[in-house]
Amino acid sequence: LALDFAEALRSNDAKVNAALLNAL
């Protein structure tokens, strides 16, 4: 989950999936 959270943050701000971050 920590690795997936970091991967989700690698996108630029416009493309960050906020729902995925919340779920993780």
PDB file of all heavy atoms in Angstrom:
ATOM      1  N   LEU A   1       0.827  -1.202   0.000  1.00  0.00           N
ATOM      2  CA  LEU A   1       0.000   0.000   0.000  1.00  0.00           C
ATOM      3  C   LEU A   1       0.867   1.260   0.000  1.00  0.00           C
ATOM      4  O   LEU A   1       0.559   2.231  -0.699  1.00  0.00           O
ATOM      5  CB  LEU A   1      -0.947   0.003   1.205  1.00  0.00           C
ATOM      6  CG  LEU A   1      -2.097  -1.001   1.142  1.00  0.00           C
ATOM      7  CD1 LEU A   1      -2.763  -1.131   2.503  1.00  0.00           C
ATOM      8  CD2 LEU A   1      -3.102  -0.581   0.096  1.00  0.00           C
ATOM      9  N   ALA A   2       1.951   1.249   0.785  1.00  0.00           N
ATOM     10  CA  ALA A   2       2.859   2.404   0.818  1.00  0.00           C
ATOM     11  C   ALA A   2       3.500   2.611  -0.554  1.00  0.00           C
ATOM     12  O   ALA A   2       3.612   3.751  -1.037  1.00  0.00           O
ATOM     13  CB  ALA A   2       3.923   2.212   1.892  1.00  0.00           C
ATOM     14  N   LEU A   3       3.911   1.522  -1.202  1.00  0.00           N
ATOM     15  CA  LEU A   3       4.504   1.631  -2.532  1.00  0.00           C
ATOM     16  C   LEU A   3       3.480   2.134  -3.553  1.00  0.00           C
ATOM     17  O   LEU A   3       3.804   2.968  -4.410  1.00  0.00           O
ATOM     18  CB  LEU A   3       5.076   0.284  -2.977  1.00  0.00           C
ATOM     19  CG  LEU A   3       6.289  -0.212  -2.183  1.00  0.00           C
ATOM     20  CD1 LEU A   3       6.644  -1.629  -2.604  1.00  0.00           C
ATOM     21  CD2 LEU A   3       7.464   0.732  -2.348  1.00  0.00           C
ATOM     22  N   ASP A   4       2.248   1.644  -3.465  1.00  0.00           N
ATOM     23  CA  ASP A   4       1.189   2.104  -4.369  1.00  0.00           C
ATOM     24  C   ASP A   4       0.863   3.577  -4.140  1.00  0.00           C
ATOM     25  O   ASP A   4       0.602   4.324  -5.086  1.00  0.00           O
ATOM     26  CB  ASP A   4      -0.074   1.255  -4.197  1.00  0.00           C
ATOM     27  CG  ASP A   4       0.100  -0.173  -4.704  1.00  0.00           C
ATOM     28  OD1 ASP A   4       1.094  -0.449  -5.416  1.00  0.00           O
ATOM     29  OD2 ASP A   4      -0.760  -1.012  -4.367  1.00  0.00           O
ATOM     30  N   PHE A   5       0.881   4.003  -2.870  1.00  0.00           N
ATOM     31  CA  PHE A   5       0.634   5.408  -2.529  1.00  0.00           C
ATOM     32  C   PHE A   5       1.721   6.283  -3.161  1.00  0.00           C
ATOM     33  O   PHE A   5       1.431   7.317  -3.768  1.00  0.00           O
ATOM     34  CB  PHE A   5       0.614   5.566  -1.000  1.00  0.00           C
ATOM     35  CG  PHE A   5       0.018   6.850  -0.506  1.00  0.00           C
ATOM     36  CD1 PHE A   5      -1.347   6.950  -0.285  1.00  0.00           C
ATOM     37  CD2 PHE A   5       0.816   7.948  -0.246  1.00  0.00           C
ATOM     38  CE1 PHE A   5      -1.898   8.134   0.185  1.00  0.00           C
ATOM     39  CE2 PHE A   5       0.277   9.132   0.221  1.00  0.00           C
ATOM     40  CZ  PHE A   5      -1.091   9.227   0.440  1.00  0.00           C
ATOM     41  N   ALA A   6       2.980   5.855  -3.032  1.00  0.00           N
ATOM     42  CA  ALA A   6       4.091   6.608  -3.629  1.00  0.00           C
ATOM     43  C   ALA A   6       3.956   6.662  -5.143  1.00  0.00           C
ATOM     44  O   ALA A   6       4.194   7.706  -5.761  1.00  0.00           O
ATOM     45  CB  ALA A   6       5.415   5.967  -3.227  1.00  0.00           C
ATOM     46  N   GLU A   7       3.566   5.546  -5.741  1.00  0.00           N
ATOM     47  CA  GLU A   7       3.398   5.498  -7.201  1.00  0.00           C
ATOM     48  C   GLU A   7       2.295   6.456  -7.652  1.00  0.00           C
ATOM     49  O   GLU A   7       2.435   7.140  -8.667  1.00  0.00           O
ATOM     50  CB  GLU A   7       3.074   4.069  -7.642  1.00  0.00           C
ATOM     51  CG  GLU A   7       2.942   3.900  -9.130  1.00  0.00           C
ATOM     52  CD  GLU A   7       4.231   4.172  -9.889  1.00  0.00           C
ATOM     53  OE1 GLU A   7       5.319   3.917  -9.347  1.00  0.00           O
ATOM     54  OE2 GLU A   7       4.134   4.668 -11.029  1.00  0.00           O
ATOM     55  N   ALA A   8       1.215   6.518  -6.888  1.00  0.00           N
ATOM     56  CA  ALA A   8       0.111   7.421  -7.240  1.00  0.00           C
ATOM     57  C   ALA A   8       0.549   8.888  -7.158  1.00  0.00           C
ATOM     58  O   ALA A   8       0.043   9.734  -7.899  1.00  0.00           O
ATOM     59  CB  ALA A   8      -1.086   7.168  -6.333  1.00  0.00           C
ATOM     60  N   LEU A   9       1.506   9.181  -6.290  1.00  0.00           N
ATOM     61  CA  LEU A   9       1.980  10.566  -6.140  1.00  0.00           C
ATOM     62  C   LEU A   9       2.998  10.966  -7.206  1.00  0.00           C
ATOM     63  O   LEU A   9       3.342  12.129  -7.312  1.00  0.00           O
ATOM     64  CB  LEU A   9       2.614  10.761  -4.755  1.00  0.00           C
ATOM     65  CG  LEU A   9       1.637  10.936  -3.610  1.00  0.00           C
ATOM     66  CD1 LEU A   9       2.385  11.049  -2.299  1.00  0.00           C
ATOM     67  CD2 LEU A   9       0.780  12.160  -3.831  1.00  0.00           C
ATOM     68  N   ARG A  10       3.483  10.020  -7.980  1.00  0.00           N
ATOM     69  CA  ARG A  10       4.494  10.339  -8.994  1.00  0.00           C
ATOM     70  C   ARG A  10       3.921  11.161 -10.152  1.00  0.00           C
ATOM     71  O   ARG A  10       4.670  11.814 -10.867  1.00  0.00           O
ATOM     72  CB  ARG A  10       5.128   9.055  -9.514  1.00  0.00           C
ATOM     73  CG  ARG A  10       6.095   8.472  -8.519  1.00  0.00           C
ATOM     74  CD  ARG A  10       7.023   7.458  -9.143  1.00  0.00           C
ATOM     75  NE  ARG A  10       7.949   6.995  -8.135  1.00  0.00           N
ATOM     76  CZ  ARG A  10       7.821   5.860  -7.475  1.00  0.00           C
ATOM     77  NH1 ARG A  10       6.811   5.060  -7.728  1.00  0.00           N
ATOM     78  NH2 ARG A  10       8.700   5.519  -6.562  1.00  0.00           N
ATOM     79  N   SER A  11       2.628  11.132 -10.321  1.00  0.00           N
ATOM     80  CA  SER A  11       1.996  11.911 -11.398  1.00  0.00           C
ATOM     81  C   SER A  11       2.063  13.400 -11.073  1.00  0.00           C
ATOM     82  O   SER A  11       2.185  13.783  -9.908  1.00  0.00           O
ATOM     83  CB  SER A  11       0.523  11.524 -11.533  1.00  0.00           C
ATOM     84  OG  SER A  11       0.390  10.155 -11.754  1.00  0.00           O
ATOM     85  N   ASN A  12       1.956  14.215 -12.095  1.00  0.00           N
ATOM     86  CA  ASN A  12       1.888  15.650 -11.816  1.00  0.00           C
ATOM     87  C   ASN A  12       0.525  15.958 -11.178  1.00  0.00           C
ATOM     88  O   ASN A  12      -0.398  15.142 -11.235  1.00  0.00           O
ATOM     89  CB  ASN A  12       2.167  16.499 -13.063  1.00  0.00           C
ATOM     90  CG  ASN A  12       1.138  16.304 -14.151  1.00  0.00           C
ATOM     91  OD1 ASN A  12       0.086  15.702 -13.936  1.00  0.00           O
ATOM     92  ND2 ASN A  12       1.447  16.802 -15.327  1.00  0.00           N
ATOM     93  N   ASP A  13       0.407  17.118 -10.575  1.00  0.00           N
ATOM     94  CA  ASP A  13      -0.778  17.450  -9.781  1.00  0.00           C
ATOM     95  C   ASP A  13      -2.085  17.297 -10.540  1.00  0.00           C
ATOM     96  O   ASP A  13      -3.089  16.858  -9.982  1.00  0.00           O
ATOM     97  CB  ASP A  13      -0.666  18.876  -9.230  1.00  0.00           C
ATOM     98  CG  ASP A  13       0.379  18.989  -8.125  1.00  0.00           C
ATOM     99  OD1 ASP A  13       0.800  17.933  -7.617  1.00  0.00           O
ATOM    100  OD2 ASP A  13       0.767  20.114  -7.789  1.00  0.00           O
ATOM    101  N   ALA A  14      -2.114  17.615 -11.809  1.00  0.00           N
ATOM    102  CA  ALA A  14      -3.356  17.552 -12.583  1.00  0.00           C
ATOM    103  C   ALA A  14      -3.816  16.112 -12.792  1.00  0.00           C
ATOM    104  O   ALA A  14      -5.000  15.865 -13.018  1.00  0.00           O
ATOM    105  CB  ALA A  14      -3.177  18.238 -13.926  1.00  0.00           C
ATOM    106  N   LYS A  15      -2.903  15.158 -12.724  1.00  0.00           N
ATOM    107  CA  LYS A  15      -3.252  13.777 -13.022  1.00  0.00           C
ATOM    108  C   LYS A  15      -3.291  12.864 -11.796  1.00  0.00           C
ATOM    109  O   LYS A  15      -3.504  11.667 -11.934  1.00  0.00           O
ATOM    110  CB  LYS A  15      -2.260  13.207 -14.035  1.00  0.00           C
ATOM    111  CG  LYS A  15      -2.356  13.892 -15.376  1.00  0.00           C
ATOM    112  CD  LYS A  15      -1.460  13.242 -16.386  1.00  0.00           C
ATOM    113  CE  LYS A  15      -1.613  13.953 -17.720  1.00  0.00           C
ATOM    114  NZ  LYS A  15      -0.806  13.322 -18.755  1.00  0.00           N
ATOM    115  N   VAL A  16      -3.075  13.407 -10.607  1.00  0.00           N
ATOM    116  CA  VAL A  16      -3.117  12.579  -9.400  1.00  0.00           C
ATOM    117  C   VAL A  16      -4.548  12.094  -9.180  1.00  0.00           C
ATOM    118  O   VAL A  16      -5.500  12.871  -9.239  1.00  0.00           O
ATOM    119  CB  VAL A  16      -2.621  13.373  -8.166  1.00  0.00           C
ATOM    120  CG1 VAL A  16      -2.899  12.621  -6.878  1.00  0.00           C
ATOM    121  CG2 VAL A  16      -1.138  13.656  -8.294  1.00  0.00           C
ATOM    122  N   ASN A  17      -4.683  10.811  -8.945  1.00  0.00           N
ATOM    123  CA  ASN A  17      -5.996  10.205  -8.699  1.00  0.00           C
ATOM    124  C   ASN A  17      -6.307  10.326  -7.206  1.00  0.00           C
ATOM    125  O   ASN A  17      -5.878   9.496  -6.399  1.00  0.00           O
ATOM    126  CB  ASN A  17      -5.977   8.745  -9.156  1.00  0.00           C
ATOM    127  CG  ASN A  17      -7.324   8.094  -9.067  1.00  0.00           C
ATOM    128  OD1 ASN A  17      -8.231   8.576  -8.383  1.00  0.00           O
ATOM    129  ND2 ASN A  17      -7.480   6.982  -9.755  1.00  0.00           N
ATOM    130  N   ALA A  18      -7.054  11.362  -6.827  1.00  0.00           N
ATOM    131  CA  ALA A  18      -7.362  11.627  -5.419  1.00  0.00           C
ATOM    132  C   ALA A  18      -8.185  10.499  -4.801  1.00  0.00           C
ATOM    133  O   ALA A  18      -7.968  10.139  -3.638  1.00  0.00           O
ATOM    134  CB  ALA A  18      -8.090  12.959  -5.289  1.00  0.00           C
ATOM    135  N   ALA A  19      -9.088   9.927  -5.552  1.00  0.00           N
ATOM    136  CA  ALA A  19      -9.909   8.828  -5.027  1.00  0.00           C
ATOM    137  C   ALA A  19      -9.045   7.617  -4.694  1.00  0.00           C
ATOM    138  O   ALA A  19      -9.258   6.951  -3.670  1.00  0.00           O
ATOM    139  CB  ALA A  19     -10.993   8.451  -6.037  1.00  0.00           C
ATOM    140  N   LEU A  20      -8.048   7.338  -5.538  1.00  0.00           N
ATOM    141  CA  LEU A  20      -7.141   6.224  -5.268  1.00  0.00           C
ATOM    142  C   LEU A  20      -6.328   6.492  -4.005  1.00  0.00           C
ATOM    143  O   LEU A  20      -6.163   5.600  -3.166  1.00  0.00           O
ATOM    144  CB  LEU A  20      -6.207   5.995  -6.461  1.00  0.00           C
ATOM    145  CG  LEU A  20      -5.137   4.924  -6.281  1.00  0.00           C
ATOM    146  CD1 LEU A  20      -5.769   3.563  -6.036  1.00  0.00           C
ATOM    147  CD2 LEU A  20      -4.214   4.893  -7.486  1.00  0.00           C
ATOM    148  N   LEU A  21      -5.818   7.715  -3.857  1.00  0.00           N
ATOM    149  CA  LEU A  21      -5.068   8.059  -2.642  1.00  0.00           C
ATOM    150  C   LEU A  21      -5.932   7.864  -1.397  1.00  0.00           C
ATOM    151  O   LEU A  21      -5.471   7.321  -0.394  1.00  0.00           O
ATOM    152  CB  LEU A  21      -4.568   9.503  -2.710  1.00  0.00           C
ATOM    153  CG  LEU A  21      -3.432   9.804  -3.661  1.00  0.00           C
ATOM    154  CD1 LEU A  21      -3.095  11.290  -3.612  1.00  0.00           C
ATOM    155  CD2 LEU A  21      -2.212   8.974  -3.359  1.00  0.00           C
ATOM    156  N   ASN A  22      -7.181   8.313  -1.468  1.00  0.00           N
ATOM    157  CA  ASN A  22      -8.092   8.146  -0.328  1.00  0.00           C
ATOM    158  C   ASN A  22      -8.323   6.674  -0.007  1.00  0.00           C
ATOM    159  O   ASN A  22      -8.324   6.274   1.164  1.00  0.00           O
ATOM    160  CB  ASN A  22      -9.425   8.843  -0.606  1.00  0.00           C
ATOM    161  CG  ASN A  22      -9.293  10.348  -0.580  1.00  0.00           C
ATOM    162  OD1 ASN A  22      -8.463  10.901   0.122  1.00  0.00           O
ATOM    163  ND2 ASN A  22     -10.108  11.009  -1.368  1.00  0.00           N
ATOM    164  N   ALA A  23      -8.505   5.864  -1.029  1.00  0.00           N
ATOM    165  CA  ALA A  23      -8.739   4.427  -0.820  1.00  0.00           C
ATOM    166  C   ALA A  23      -7.502   3.752  -0.225  1.00  0.00           C
ATOM    167  O   ALA A  23      -7.617   2.934   0.699  1.00  0.00           O
ATOM    168  CB  ALA A  23      -9.128   3.763  -2.136  1.00  0.00           C
ATOM    169  N   LEU A  24      -6.324   4.087  -0.744  1.00  0.00           N
ATOM    170  CA  LEU A  24      -5.083   3.503  -0.220  1.00  0.00           C
ATOM    171  C   LEU A  24      -4.850   3.916   1.227  1.00  0.00           C
ATOM    172  O   LEU A  24      -4.439   3.101   2.066  1.00  0.00           O
ATOM    173  CB  LEU A  24      -3.896   3.917  -1.091  1.00  0.00           C
ATOM    174  CG  LEU A  24      -3.861   3.346  -2.499  1.00  0.00           C
ATOM    175  CD1 LEU A  24      -2.782   4.031  -3.322  1.00  0.00           C
ATOM    176  CD2 LEU A  24      -3.656   1.841  -2.466  1.00  0.00           C
TER     177      LEU A  24
END
